[in-house]
C-alpha atoms as a PDB file:
ATOM      1  CA  MET A   1       0.000   0.000   0.000  1.00  0.00           C
ATOM      2  CA  ALA A   2       1.372   3.407  -1.000  1.00  0.00           C
ATOM      3  CA  GLU A   3       2.201   5.823   1.776  1.00  0.00           C
ATOM      4  CA  GLN A   4      -0.078   8.864   1.899  1.00  0.00           C
ATOM      5  CA  LYS A   5       1.464  12.143   0.772  1.00  0.00           C
ATOM      6  CA  ILE A   6       2.169  14.565   3.597  1.00  0.00           C
ATOM      7  CA  TYR A   7       1.858  18.166   2.451  1.00  0.00           C
ATOM      8  CA  ASP A   8       4.011  20.870   3.938  1.00  0.00           C
ATOM      9  CA  LEU A   9       0.892  23.060   4.058  1.00  0.00           C
ATOM     10  CA  VAL A  10      -2.832  22.590   3.531  1.00  0.00           C
ATOM     11  CA  VAL A  11      -4.778  25.812   3.123  1.00  0.00           C
ATOM     12  CA  ILE A  12      -8.473  25.655   3.972  1.00  0.00           C
ATOM     13  CA  GLY A  13     -10.263  28.350   1.982  1.00  0.00           C
ATOM     14  CA  SER A  14      -9.421  29.998  -1.327  1.00  0.00           C
ATOM     15  CA  GLY A  15     -10.255  33.636  -0.667  1.00  0.00           C
ATOM     16  CA  PRO A  16      -7.657  36.421  -0.731  1.00  0.00           C
ATOM     17  CA  ALA A  17      -5.870  35.124   2.384  1.00  0.00           C
ATOM     18  CA  GLY A  18      -6.064  31.484   1.309  1.00  0.00           C
ATOM     19  CA  TYR A  19      -4.920  31.636  -2.279  1.00  0.00           C
ATOM     20  CA  THR A  20      -2.179  34.206  -1.636  1.00  0.00           C
ATOM     21  CA  GLY A  21      -0.926  32.179   1.337  1.00  0.00           C
ATOM     22  CA  ALA A  22      -0.921  29.014  -0.759  1.00  0.00           C
ATOM     23  CA  ILE A  23       0.915  30.704  -3.625  1.00  0.00           C
ATOM     24  CA  ARG A  24       3.554  32.247  -1.358  1.00  0.00           C
ATOM     25  CA  ALA A  25       4.181  28.913   0.350  1.00  0.00           C
ATOM     26  CA  ALA A  26       4.570  27.220  -3.044  1.00  0.00           C
ATOM     27  CA  GLN A  27       6.967  29.978  -4.152  1.00  0.00           C
ATOM     28  CA  LEU A  28       9.063  29.159  -1.089  1.00  0.00           C
ATOM     29  CA  GLY A  29       9.263  25.527  -2.217  1.00  0.00           C
ATOM     30  CA  LEU A  30       6.590  23.937  -0.028  1.00  0.00           C
ATOM     31  CA  GLN A  31       4.211  21.220  -1.234  1.00  0.00           C
ATOM     32  CA  VAL A  32       0.770  22.799  -0.894  1.00  0.00           C
ATOM     33  CA  ALA A  33      -2.879  21.815  -1.239  1.00  0.00           C
ATOM     34  CA  CYS A  34      -5.800  24.252  -1.153  1.00  0.00           C
ATOM     35  CA  VAL A  35      -9.216  23.008  -0.036  1.00  0.00           C
ATOM     36  CA  GLU A  36     -12.338  24.926  -1.110  1.00  0.00           C
ATOM     37  CA  ARG A  37     -15.932  23.789  -0.660  1.00  0.00           C
ATOM     38  CA  GLU A  38     -17.297  25.957  -3.487  1.00  0.00           C
ATOM     39  CA  PRO A  39     -16.806  25.010  -7.159  1.00  0.00           C
ATOM     40  CA  ALA A  40     -15.245  28.411  -7.932  1.00  0.00           C
ATOM     41  CA  LEU A  41     -12.168  29.753  -6.183  1.00  0.00           C
ATOM     42  CA  GLY A  42     -11.693  33.241  -4.804  1.00  0.00           C
ATOM     43  CA  GLY A  43     -13.796  33.376  -1.672  1.00  0.00           C
ATOM     44  CA  THR A  44     -16.708  35.612  -0.790  1.00  0.00           C
ATOM     45  CA  CYS A  45     -15.205  38.851  -2.098  1.00  0.00           C
ATOM     46  CA  LEU A  46     -14.558  37.491  -5.557  1.00  0.00           C
ATOM     47  CA  ARG A  47     -17.582  35.220  -6.007  1.00  0.00           C
ATOM     48  CA  ILE A  48     -20.477  36.821  -4.092  1.00  0.00           C
ATOM     49  CA  GLY A  49     -19.213  40.031  -2.538  1.00  0.00           C
ATOM     50  CA  CYS A  50     -17.018  42.998  -3.402  1.00  0.00           C
ATOM     51  CA  ILE A  51     -16.229  42.197  -7.030  1.00  0.00           C
ATOM     52  CA  PRO A  52     -19.749  41.406  -8.307  1.00  0.00           C
ATOM     53  CA  SER A  53     -21.281  44.293  -6.353  1.00  0.00           C
ATOM     54  CA  LYS A  54     -18.735  46.709  -7.832  1.00  0.00           C
ATOM     55  CA  ALA A  55     -19.399  45.364 -11.337  1.00  0.00           C
ATOM     56  CA  LEU A  56     -23.118  46.113 -10.942  1.00  0.00           C
ATOM     57  CA  LEU A  57     -22.362  49.458  -9.308  1.00  0.00           C
ATOM     58  CA  GLU A  58     -20.185  50.465 -12.262  1.00  0.00           C
ATOM     59  CA  SER A  59     -23.016  49.717 -14.709  1.00  0.00           C
ATOM     60  CA  THR A  60     -25.436  51.796 -12.644  1.00  0.00           C
ATOM     61  CA  ALA A  61     -22.903  54.629 -12.378  1.00  0.00           C
ATOM     62  CA  ARG A  62     -22.547  54.710 -16.178  1.00  0.00           C
ATOM     63  CA  LEU A  63     -26.323  55.030 -16.577  1.00  0.00           C
ATOM     64  CA  MET A  64     -26.556  57.779 -13.961  1.00  0.00           C
ATOM     65  CA  GLU A  65     -23.651  59.665 -15.541  1.00  0.00           C
ATOM     66  CA  ALA A  66     -25.316  59.523 -18.947  1.00  0.00           C
ATOM     67  CA  GLN A  67     -28.629  60.727 -17.522  1.00  0.00           C
ATOM     68  CA  ALA A  68     -26.983  63.580 -15.624  1.00  0.00           C
ATOM     69  CA  HIS A  69     -24.362  64.822 -18.075  1.00  0.00           C
ATOM     70  CA  PHE A  70     -25.153  63.926 -21.698  1.00  0.00           C
ATOM     71  CA  ALA A  71     -27.420  66.944 -22.252  1.00  0.00           C
ATOM     72  CA  ALA A  72     -24.650  69.346 -21.171  1.00  0.00           C
ATOM     73  CA  HIS A  73     -22.547  67.949 -24.017  1.00  0.00           C
ATOM     74  CA  GLY A  74     -25.336  68.331 -26.556  1.00  0.00           C
ATOM     75  CA  ILE A  75     -26.067  64.618 -26.602  1.00  0.00           C
ATOM     76  CA  THR A  76     -29.704  63.619 -26.716  1.00  0.00           C
ATOM     77  CA  ALA A  77     -30.399  60.141 -25.448  1.00  0.00           C
ATOM     78  CA  ASP A  78     -34.040  60.003 -24.474  1.00  0.00           C
ATOM     79  CA  ASN A  79     -35.413  57.028 -22.584  1.00  0.00           C
ATOM     80  CA  LEU A  80     -32.110  55.693 -21.284  1.00  0.00           C
ATOM     81  CA  SER A  81     -32.700  52.573 -19.229  1.00  0.00           C
ATOM     82  CA  ALA A  82     -30.808  49.710 -17.684  1.00  0.00           C
ATOM     83  CA  ASP A  83     -31.065  46.151 -18.956  1.00  0.00           C
ATOM     84  CA  LEU A  84     -30.584  44.231 -15.714  1.00  0.00           C
ATOM     85  CA  GLY A  85     -30.106  40.937 -17.553  1.00  0.00           C
ATOM     86  CA  THR A  86     -27.171  42.351 -19.510  1.00  0.00           C
ATOM     87  CA  MET A  87     -25.750  43.904 -16.340  1.00  0.00           C
ATOM     88  CA  GLN A  88     -25.962  40.497 -14.637  1.00  0.00           C
ATOM     89  CA  LYS A  89     -24.248  38.757 -17.580  1.00  0.00           C
ATOM     90  CA  ARG A  90     -21.425  41.306 -17.493  1.00  0.00           C
ATOM     91  CA  LYS A  91     -21.041  40.829 -13.723  1.00  0.00           C
ATOM     92  CA  ASP A  92     -21.036  37.039 -14.090  1.00  0.00           C
ATOM     93  CA  GLY A  93     -18.401  37.268 -16.838  1.00  0.00           C
ATOM     94  CA  ILE A  94     -16.116  39.367 -14.647  1.00  0.00           C
ATOM     95  CA  VAL A  95     -16.486  36.927 -11.745  1.00  0.00           C
ATOM     96  CA  LYS A  96     -15.850  33.927 -14.014  1.00  0.00           C
ATOM     97  CA  THR A  97     -12.712  35.497 -15.492  1.00  0.00           C
ATOM     98  CA  LEU A  98     -11.283  36.312 -12.072  1.00  0.00           C
ATOM     99  CA  THR A  99     -12.135  32.955 -10.444  1.00  0.00           C
ATOM    100  CA  GLN A 100     -10.552  31.171 -13.400  1.00  0.00           C
ATOM    101  CA  GLY A 101      -7.531  33.420 -12.900  1.00  0.00           C
ATOM    102  CA  VAL A 102      -7.175  32.202  -9.315  1.00  0.00           C
ATOM    103  CA  ALA A 103      -7.462  28.590 -10.521  1.00  0.00           C
ATOM    104  CA  GLY A 104      -4.754  29.301 -13.105  1.00  0.00           C
ATOM    105  CA  LEU A 105      -2.452  30.751 -10.451  1.00  0.00           C
ATOM    106  CA  LEU A 106      -2.850  27.657  -8.254  1.00  0.00           C
ATOM    107  CA  LYS A 107      -2.113  25.407 -11.227  1.00  0.00           C
ATOM    108  CA  LYS A 108       0.902  27.512 -12.267  1.00  0.00           C
ATOM    109  CA  HIS A 109       2.384  27.124  -8.789  1.00  0.00           C
ATOM    110  CA  LYS A 110       1.632  23.368  -8.684  1.00  0.00           C
ATOM    111  CA  ILE A 111      -0.796  23.689  -5.784  1.00  0.00           C
ATOM    112  CA  ASP A 112      -3.162  20.729  -5.494  1.00  0.00           C
ATOM    113  CA  ARG A 113      -6.765  21.895  -5.551  1.00  0.00           C
ATOM    114  CA  VAL A 114      -9.190  19.831  -3.479  1.00  0.00           C
ATOM    115  CA  MET A 115     -12.920  20.482  -3.522  1.00  0.00           C
ATOM    116  CA  GLY A 116     -14.874  19.747  -0.382  1.00  0.00           C
ATOM    117  CA  HIS A 117     -15.585  20.765   3.181  1.00  0.00           C
ATOM    118  CA  ALA A 118     -12.466  20.390   5.322  1.00  0.00           C
ATOM    119  CA  THR A 119     -12.421  19.469   9.000  1.00  0.00           C
ATOM    120  CA  LEU A 120      -9.358  19.121  11.193  1.00  0.00           C
ATOM    121  CA  LYS A 121      -9.652  15.516  12.330  1.00  0.00           C
ATOM    122  CA  ALA A 122      -6.557  14.703  14.376  1.00  0.00           C
ATOM    123  CA  ARG A 123      -2.959  15.582  15.037  1.00  0.00           C
ATOM    124  CA  LYS A 124      -0.351  12.897  15.495  1.00  0.00           C
ATOM    125  CA  GLY A 125       3.078  14.268  16.274  1.00  0.00           C
ATOM    126  CA  ASP A 126       3.765  17.037  13.769  1.00  0.00           C
ATOM    127  CA  VAL A 127       1.177  15.878  11.218  1.00  0.00           C
ATOM    128  CA  TRP A 128      -2.433  17.001  10.951  1.00  0.00           C
ATOM    129  CA  THR A 129      -5.110  14.833   9.376  1.00  0.00           C
ATOM    130  CA  ILE A 130      -7.758  16.817   7.520  1.00  0.00           C
ATOM    131  CA  ALA A 131     -11.022  15.094   6.623  1.00  0.00           C
ATOM    132  CA  ILE A 132     -12.581  16.154   3.324  1.00  0.00           C
ATOM    133  CA  LYS A 133     -16.311  15.779   2.766  1.00  0.00           C
ATOM    134  CA  GLY A 134     -17.657  16.446  -0.709  1.00  0.00           C
ATOM    135  CA  ASP A 135     -16.995  15.677  -4.339  1.00  0.00           C
ATOM    136  CA  SER A 136     -13.250  15.302  -3.870  1.00  0.00           C
ATOM    137  CA  ASP A 137     -11.505  12.000  -4.538  1.00  0.00           C
ATOM    138  CA  ALA A 138      -9.468  12.488  -1.373  1.00  0.00           C
ATOM    139  CA  ALA A 139     -11.178  11.452   1.843  1.00  0.00           C
ATOM    140  CA  GLU A 140      -8.281  12.694   3.968  1.00  0.00           C
ATOM    141  CA  LEU A 141      -5.219  14.873   3.579  1.00  0.00           C
ATOM    142  CA  GLN A 142      -2.174  15.048   5.810  1.00  0.00           C
ATOM    143  CA  ALA A 143      -0.119  18.161   6.436  1.00  0.00           C
ATOM    144  CA  LYS A 144       2.652  19.453   8.637  1.00  0.00           C
ATOM    145  CA  LYS A 145       0.969  22.861   8.805  1.00  0.00           C
ATOM    146  CA  VAL A 146      -2.594  24.077   8.219  1.00  0.00           C
ATOM    147  CA  LEU A 147      -3.668  27.602   7.296  1.00  0.00           C
ATOM    148  CA  LEU A 148      -7.285  28.329   8.216  1.00  0.00           C
ATOM    149  CA  ALA A 149      -8.519  30.964   5.775  1.00  0.00           C
ATOM    150  CA  THR A 150     -12.232  30.228   5.818  1.00  0.00           C
ATOM    151  CA  GLY A 151     -13.498  33.801   5.538  1.00  0.00           C
ATOM    152  CA  SER A 152     -16.878  34.926   6.771  1.00  0.00           C
ATOM    153  CA  ARG A 153     -20.600  34.678   6.071  1.00  0.00           C
ATOM    154  CA  GLU A 154     -23.555  36.941   6.620  1.00  0.00           C
ATOM    155  CA  PHE A 155     -25.122  36.924  10.065  1.00  0.00           C
ATOM    156  CA  VAL A 156     -28.650  35.507  10.060  1.00  0.00           C
ATOM    157  CA  LEU A 157     -30.919  37.106  12.631  1.00  0.00           C
ATOM    158  CA  PRO A 158     -32.518  34.565  15.000  1.00  0.00           C
ATOM    159  CA  GLY A 159     -36.144  33.875  14.080  1.00  0.00           C
ATOM    160  CA  ILE A 160     -35.804  35.410  10.604  1.00  0.00           C
ATOM    161  CA  GLU A 161     -36.074  33.011   7.690  1.00  0.00           C
ATOM    162  CA  MET A 162     -33.755  33.979   4.825  1.00  0.00           C
ATOM    163  CA  HIS A 163     -35.453  32.745   1.676  1.00  0.00           C
ATOM    164  CA  GLY A 164     -34.357  35.395  -0.807  1.00  0.00           C
ATOM    165  CA  ASP A 165     -37.874  36.285  -1.925  1.00  0.00           C
ATOM    166  CA  ARG A 166     -38.646  39.022   0.603  1.00  0.00           C
ATOM    167  CA  ILE A 167     -35.733  38.673   3.011  1.00  0.00           C
ATOM    168  CA  GLY A 168     -32.310  37.741   1.767  1.00  0.00           C
ATOM    169  CA  SER A 169     -28.628  38.428   1.904  1.00  0.00           C
ATOM    170  CA  SER A 170     -26.352  40.274  -0.460  1.00  0.00           C
ATOM    171  CA  THR A 171     -25.854  36.974  -2.284  1.00  0.00           C
ATOM    172  CA  GLU A 172     -29.478  36.957  -3.446  1.00  0.00           C
ATOM    173  CA  ALA A 173     -29.395  40.700  -4.174  1.00  0.00           C
ATOM    174  CA  LEU A 174     -26.491  40.157  -6.564  1.00  0.00           C
ATOM    175  CA  ASP A 175     -28.717  37.956  -8.729  1.00  0.00           C
ATOM    176  CA  TYR A 176     -32.010  39.860  -8.808  1.00  0.00           C
ATOM    177  CA  LYS A 177     -33.750  39.388 -12.146  1.00  0.00           C
ATOM    178  CA  GLU A 178     -35.603  42.683 -11.838  1.00  0.00           C
ATOM    179  CA  VAL A 179     -35.108  45.920  -9.965  1.00  0.00           C
ATOM    180  CA  PRO A 180     -37.050  45.760  -6.675  1.00  0.00           C
ATOM    181  CA  LYS A 181     -39.701  48.442  -6.135  1.00  0.00           C
ATOM    182  CA  HIS A 182     -38.559  48.779  -2.514  1.00  0.00           C
ATOM    183  CA  LEU A 183     -35.307  47.736  -0.881  1.00  0.00           C
ATOM    184  CA  VAL A 184     -34.223  48.038   2.740  1.00  0.00           C
ATOM    185  CA  VAL A 185     -30.570  47.368   3.508  1.00  0.00           C
ATOM    186  CA  VAL A 186     -29.838  46.405   7.112  1.00  0.00           C
ATOM    187  CA  GLY A 187     -26.250  47.274   7.949  1.00  0.00           C
ATOM    188  CA  GLY A 188     -23.828  49.824   6.650  1.00  0.00           C
ATOM    189  CA  GLY A 189     -21.147  47.625   5.148  1.00  0.00           C
ATOM    190  CA  ALA A 190     -19.635  48.282   1.739  1.00  0.00           C
ATOM    191  CA  ILE A 191     -21.561  45.585  -0.132  1.00  0.00           C
ATOM    192  CA  GLY A 192     -24.923  46.617   1.327  1.00  0.00           C
ATOM    193  CA  LEU A 193     -24.334  50.268   0.495  1.00  0.00           C
ATOM    194  CA  GLU A 194     -23.168  49.396  -3.014  1.00  0.00           C
ATOM    195  CA  LEU A 195     -26.184  47.190  -3.698  1.00  0.00           C
ATOM    196  CA  GLY A 196     -28.504  49.859  -2.317  1.00  0.00           C
ATOM    197  CA  SER A 197     -26.950  52.246  -4.842  1.00  0.00           C
ATOM    198  CA  VAL A 198     -27.252  49.733  -7.695  1.00  0.00           C
ATOM    199  CA  TYR A 199     -30.986  49.246  -7.276  1.00  0.00           C
END
């Protein structure tokens, strides 16, 4: 039976801290694996946070600029409107390009990518065993060091059901198919303020 590979470092999470930590470790000559439970790499900011909200915000800003300033330049553009479907496709394209870029960087630096939910299972001597649950072929990984870079999630208020129809998170707001007639943003974080400005 072949002996299981022991990585120098296993990084759990592929957001900005995770993928940059994995790349730097690989640049220093370490054998590295990066575990991510989502199909796309890049973490919250890249997939469902800062980047997609800024892509939508830029589209809205272009429309508002045209409405406010075209006439001063002698440009008549009556009935300007936003096509939310096209805005969403543009946003999705930007996210896809950037997440594929992260995947390319991991591949370039020979970092093993493992998809699944990682749990620290045990430590024996200087070696950690990490259990992987998901679509990955690997049921367990072993590593001398582990970098926890799992990021964050929205806080769900107790007793409030988040279903996306009437109450949802920024994740749902990034994929609205139509502009809501009314929108209340709870919290003053960057993504909430940006999405409030988009719609």
